């Protein structure tokens, strides 16, 4: 065999061995995937998704009805910041897979 064929076979074997070590988790549906961690559906993931949907609806309705960018109150943005901080705080110790 030529040197290129031998190298190609080596690479093919390496790819096969790497593919066998990858733990792919099958999807359980979009909402379940974004709301779940290793322990099932978690509150902090639900909370960040709910805030995103609520503020997205407010933004879209304001743009469509008033034709301007909405001005969110400082208190609402502070509450969103606290919610996001909680999400990030729980995200660090989470182990994937």
N, C-alpha and C. Protein backbone atom coordinates (compact mmCIF):
# COMPACT_ATOMS: atom_id res chain seq x y z
N UNK A 1 0.84 -1.19 0.00
CA UNK A 1 0.00 0.00 0.00
C UNK A 1 0.88 1.25 0.00
N UNK A 2 0.31 2.29 -0.54
CA UNK A 2 1.07 3.54 -0.55
C UNK A 2 1.00 4.21 0.82
N UNK A 3 1.87 5.16 1.00
CA UNK A 3 1.94 5.88 2.28
C UNK A 3 0.65 6.66 2.54
N UNK A 4 0.06 7.22 1.50
CA UNK A 4 -1.20 7.97 1.65
C UNK A 4 -2.34 7.05 2.07
N UNK A 5 -2.40 5.86 1.53
CA UNK A 5 -3.46 4.91 1.88
C UNK A 5 -3.32 4.47 3.33
N UNK A 6 -2.09 4.23 3.77
CA UNK A 6 -1.85 3.84 5.16
C UNK A 6 -2.27 4.96 6.10
N UNK A 7 -1.91 6.20 5.75
CA UNK A 7 -2.28 7.35 6.59
C UNK A 7 -3.79 7.54 6.61
N UNK A 8 -4.43 7.36 5.48
CA UNK A 8 -5.89 7.48 5.40
C UNK A 8 -6.56 6.43 6.28
N UNK A 9 -6.06 5.22 6.28
CA UNK A 9 -6.61 4.16 7.14
C UNK A 9 -6.41 4.49 8.61
N UNK A 10 -5.26 5.06 8.96
CA UNK A 10 -5.00 5.46 10.34
C UNK A 10 -6.00 6.53 10.78
N UNK A 11 -6.19 7.51 9.93
CA UNK A 11 -7.13 8.59 10.27
C UNK A 11 -8.55 8.06 10.39
N UNK A 12 -8.94 7.18 9.49
CA UNK A 12 -10.27 6.59 9.54
C UNK A 12 -10.47 5.81 10.84
N UNK A 13 -9.48 5.07 11.26
CA UNK A 13 -9.56 4.33 12.53
C UNK A 13 -9.64 5.27 13.73
N UNK A 14 -8.88 6.36 13.68
CA UNK A 14 -8.93 7.34 14.77
C UNK A 14 -10.31 7.98 14.86
N UNK A 15 -10.90 8.31 13.72
CA UNK A 15 -12.24 8.90 13.71
C UNK A 15 -13.26 7.92 14.28
N UNK A 16 -13.16 6.66 13.89
CA UNK A 16 -14.09 5.65 14.42
C UNK A 16 -13.94 5.50 15.93
N UNK A 17 -12.71 5.51 16.44
CA UNK A 17 -12.51 5.37 17.89
C UNK A 17 -13.01 6.60 18.63
N UNK A 18 -12.84 7.79 18.04
CA UNK A 18 -13.35 9.01 18.68
C UNK A 18 -14.87 9.05 18.66
N UNK A 19 -15.48 8.61 17.57
CA UNK A 19 -16.94 8.59 17.49
C UNK A 19 -17.53 7.63 18.52
N UNK A 20 -16.86 6.55 18.80
CA UNK A 20 -17.39 5.59 19.78
C UNK A 20 -17.28 6.12 21.20
N UNK A 21 -16.36 7.08 21.46
CA UNK A 21 -16.22 7.62 22.81
C UNK A 21 -17.14 8.79 23.08
N UNK A 22 -17.71 9.38 22.05
CA UNK A 22 -18.61 10.52 22.22
C UNK A 22 -19.95 10.01 22.72
N UNK A 23 -20.42 10.60 23.83
CA UNK A 23 -21.73 10.23 24.37
C UNK A 23 -22.76 11.21 23.86
N UNK A 24 -23.47 10.84 22.84
CA UNK A 24 -24.51 11.72 22.32
C UNK A 24 -25.83 11.39 23.00
N UNK A 25 -26.48 12.45 23.46
CA UNK A 25 -27.76 12.30 24.13
C UNK A 25 -28.86 12.62 23.13
N UNK A 26 -29.80 11.73 22.91
CA UNK A 26 -30.86 12.02 21.94
C UNK A 26 -31.77 13.14 22.42
N UNK A 27 -32.30 13.90 21.49
CA UNK A 27 -33.19 15.00 21.83
C UNK A 27 -34.52 14.46 22.35
N UNK A 28 -35.06 15.16 23.35
CA UNK A 28 -36.37 14.81 23.90
C UNK A 28 -37.42 15.85 23.53
N UNK A 29 -37.11 16.68 22.56
CA UNK A 29 -38.00 17.75 22.16
C UNK A 29 -37.40 19.09 22.56
N UNK A 30 -37.71 20.13 21.81
CA UNK A 30 -37.09 21.44 22.01
C UNK A 30 -37.27 21.97 23.43
N UNK A 31 -38.51 22.03 23.91
CA UNK A 31 -38.76 22.62 25.23
C UNK A 31 -38.16 21.78 26.35
N UNK A 32 -38.24 20.48 26.25
CA UNK A 32 -37.63 19.62 27.27
C UNK A 32 -36.12 19.78 27.26
N UNK A 33 -35.53 19.91 26.10
CA UNK A 33 -34.08 20.08 26.01
C UNK A 33 -33.61 21.38 26.64
N UNK A 34 -34.33 22.48 26.40
CA UNK A 34 -33.86 23.75 26.95
C UNK A 34 -34.23 23.93 28.42
N UNK A 35 -35.23 23.19 28.91
CA UNK A 35 -35.64 23.34 30.30
C UNK A 35 -35.04 22.28 31.22
N UNK A 36 -34.36 21.28 30.68
CA UNK A 36 -33.87 20.17 31.49
C UNK A 36 -32.36 20.22 31.66
N UNK A 37 -31.91 19.73 32.80
CA UNK A 37 -30.49 19.48 33.02
C UNK A 37 -30.35 18.00 33.36
N UNK A 38 -29.28 17.62 34.00
CA UNK A 38 -29.04 16.20 34.30
C UNK A 38 -30.09 15.63 35.26
N UNK A 39 -30.76 16.50 36.03
CA UNK A 39 -31.73 16.05 37.04
C UNK A 39 -33.17 16.25 36.61
N UNK A 40 -33.42 16.58 35.35
CA UNK A 40 -34.78 16.82 34.89
C UNK A 40 -35.03 18.31 34.70
N UNK A 41 -36.29 18.68 34.58
CA UNK A 41 -36.64 20.09 34.37
C UNK A 41 -36.28 20.87 35.62
N UNK A 42 -35.56 21.98 35.43
CA UNK A 42 -35.11 22.77 36.57
C UNK A 42 -35.77 24.15 36.56
N UNK A 43 -35.99 24.66 37.76
CA UNK A 43 -36.71 25.92 37.91
C UNK A 43 -35.95 27.09 37.29
N UNK A 44 -34.64 27.16 37.50
CA UNK A 44 -33.89 28.31 36.99
C UNK A 44 -33.85 28.34 35.47
N UNK A 45 -33.86 27.18 34.83
CA UNK A 45 -33.93 27.16 33.36
C UNK A 45 -35.32 27.60 32.89
N UNK A 46 -36.36 27.18 33.60
CA UNK A 46 -37.72 27.62 33.27
C UNK A 46 -37.84 29.13 33.45
N UNK A 47 -37.24 29.63 34.53
CA UNK A 47 -37.33 31.06 34.84
C UNK A 47 -36.69 31.90 33.74
N UNK A 48 -35.50 31.53 33.27
CA UNK A 48 -34.84 32.33 32.24
C UNK A 48 -35.60 32.23 30.91
N UNK A 49 -36.18 31.07 30.61
CA UNK A 49 -36.96 30.91 29.39
C UNK A 49 -38.24 31.75 29.46
N UNK A 50 -38.90 31.76 30.62
CA UNK A 50 -40.12 32.54 30.79
C UNK A 50 -39.84 34.03 30.64
N UNK A 51 -38.76 34.52 31.28
CA UNK A 51 -38.41 35.93 31.14
C UNK A 51 -38.13 36.29 29.68
N UNK A 52 -37.46 35.43 28.98
CA UNK A 52 -37.14 35.69 27.57
C UNK A 52 -38.42 35.79 26.75
N UNK A 53 -39.37 34.90 26.98
CA UNK A 53 -40.63 34.93 26.25
C UNK A 53 -41.42 36.19 26.59
N UNK A 54 -41.54 36.53 27.88
CA UNK A 54 -42.32 37.70 28.30
C UNK A 54 -41.74 38.98 27.71
N UNK A 55 -40.43 39.17 27.85
CA UNK A 55 -39.82 40.40 27.33
C UNK A 55 -39.83 40.41 25.80
N UNK A 56 -39.75 39.25 25.17
CA UNK A 56 -39.85 39.19 23.72
C UNK A 56 -41.23 39.61 23.24
N UNK A 57 -42.27 39.17 23.94
CA UNK A 57 -43.64 39.57 23.58
C UNK A 57 -43.83 41.08 23.77
N UNK A 58 -43.33 41.61 24.88
CA UNK A 58 -43.43 43.06 25.12
C UNK A 58 -42.70 43.83 24.02
N UNK A 59 -41.52 43.36 23.67
CA UNK A 59 -40.73 44.04 22.63
C UNK A 59 -41.46 44.02 21.28
N UNK A 60 -41.92 42.86 20.87
CA UNK A 60 -42.58 42.74 19.56
C UNK A 60 -43.87 43.56 19.51
N UNK A 61 -44.68 43.50 20.59
CA UNK A 61 -45.93 44.27 20.58
C UNK A 61 -45.67 45.76 20.57
N UNK A 62 -44.64 46.21 21.27
CA UNK A 62 -44.32 47.63 21.27
C UNK A 62 -43.85 48.10 19.90
N UNK A 63 -43.01 47.29 19.26
CA UNK A 63 -42.52 47.67 17.94
C UNK A 63 -43.67 47.69 16.93
N UNK A 64 -44.55 46.70 16.99
CA UNK A 64 -45.65 46.64 16.03
C UNK A 64 -46.70 47.72 16.26
N UNK A 65 -47.03 48.00 17.53
CA UNK A 65 -48.12 48.94 17.84
C UNK A 65 -47.66 50.39 17.86
N UNK A 66 -46.49 50.67 18.41
CA UNK A 66 -46.05 52.05 18.60
C UNK A 66 -44.95 52.44 17.61
N UNK A 67 -44.37 51.44 16.96
CA UNK A 67 -43.27 51.64 16.01
C UNK A 67 -42.05 52.29 16.66
N UNK A 68 -41.83 51.94 17.92
CA UNK A 68 -40.62 52.41 18.62
C UNK A 68 -40.05 51.26 19.45
N UNK A 69 -38.81 51.42 19.82
CA UNK A 69 -38.19 50.46 20.72
C UNK A 69 -38.77 50.69 22.11
N UNK A 70 -39.11 49.61 22.82
CA UNK A 70 -39.69 49.79 24.16
C UNK A 70 -38.63 50.24 25.17
N UNK A 71 -39.09 50.99 26.15
CA UNK A 71 -38.23 51.38 27.26
C UNK A 71 -38.66 50.57 28.48
N UNK A 72 -37.82 49.62 28.86
CA UNK A 72 -38.14 48.79 30.01
C UNK A 72 -37.78 49.53 31.30
N UNK A 73 -38.62 49.42 32.32
CA UNK A 73 -38.33 50.07 33.60
C UNK A 73 -37.05 49.51 34.23
N UNK A 74 -36.36 50.36 35.01
CA UNK A 74 -35.12 49.93 35.68
C UNK A 74 -35.35 48.75 36.60
N UNK A 75 -36.49 48.74 37.29
CA UNK A 75 -36.79 47.65 38.22
C UNK A 75 -36.93 46.31 37.49
N UNK A 76 -37.56 46.34 36.32
CA UNK A 76 -37.73 45.13 35.54
C UNK A 76 -36.37 44.61 35.06
N UNK A 77 -35.51 45.53 34.63
CA UNK A 77 -34.18 45.12 34.18
C UNK A 77 -33.35 44.59 35.35
N UNK A 78 -33.51 45.18 36.54
CA UNK A 78 -32.80 44.68 37.71
C UNK A 78 -33.28 43.28 38.08
N UNK A 79 -34.58 43.07 38.01
CA UNK A 79 -35.13 41.75 38.29
C UNK A 79 -34.65 40.72 37.27
N UNK A 80 -34.57 41.12 36.02
CA UNK A 80 -34.04 40.24 34.97
C UNK A 80 -32.57 39.93 35.23
N UNK A 81 -31.82 40.91 35.69
CA UNK A 81 -30.40 40.69 36.03
C UNK A 81 -30.24 39.72 37.18
N UNK A 82 -31.09 39.83 38.19
CA UNK A 82 -31.04 38.89 39.31
C UNK A 82 -31.38 37.49 38.84
N UNK A 83 -32.39 37.38 37.99
CA UNK A 83 -32.77 36.09 37.46
C UNK A 83 -31.65 35.47 36.63
N UNK A 84 -31.00 36.28 35.80
CA UNK A 84 -29.89 35.78 34.98
C UNK A 84 -28.70 35.40 35.85
N UNK A 85 -28.46 36.16 36.90
CA UNK A 85 -27.37 35.82 37.83
C UNK A 85 -27.63 34.49 38.51
N UNK A 86 -28.87 34.23 38.88
CA UNK A 86 -29.23 32.94 39.48
C UNK A 86 -29.00 31.81 38.49
N UNK A 87 -29.38 32.04 37.24
CA UNK A 87 -29.17 31.02 36.20
C UNK A 87 -27.68 30.72 36.04
N UNK A 88 -26.87 31.76 35.96
CA UNK A 88 -25.43 31.55 35.78
C UNK A 88 -24.83 30.89 37.02
N UNK A 89 -25.30 31.27 38.21
CA UNK A 89 -24.80 30.66 39.43
C UNK A 89 -25.05 29.17 39.49
N UNK A 90 -26.21 28.73 39.03
CA UNK A 90 -26.51 27.30 39.02
C UNK A 90 -25.86 26.59 37.83
N UNK A 91 -25.48 27.34 36.81
CA UNK A 91 -24.90 26.75 35.61
C UNK A 91 -23.47 26.26 35.86
N UNK A 92 -22.70 26.95 36.70
CA UNK A 92 -21.31 26.57 36.92
C UNK A 92 -21.13 25.16 37.45
N UNK A 93 -21.85 24.74 38.49
CA UNK A 93 -21.60 23.37 38.98
C UNK A 93 -22.25 22.28 38.15
N UNK A 94 -23.05 22.64 37.14
CA UNK A 94 -23.75 21.66 36.33
C UNK A 94 -22.75 20.87 35.48
N UNK A 95 -22.93 19.57 35.46
CA UNK A 95 -22.08 18.72 34.62
C UNK A 95 -22.90 18.22 33.45
N UNK A 96 -22.39 18.41 32.25
CA UNK A 96 -23.09 18.00 31.05
C UNK A 96 -22.85 16.52 30.80
N UNK A 97 -23.88 15.86 30.28
CA UNK A 97 -23.75 14.46 29.89
C UNK A 97 -23.86 13.61 31.06
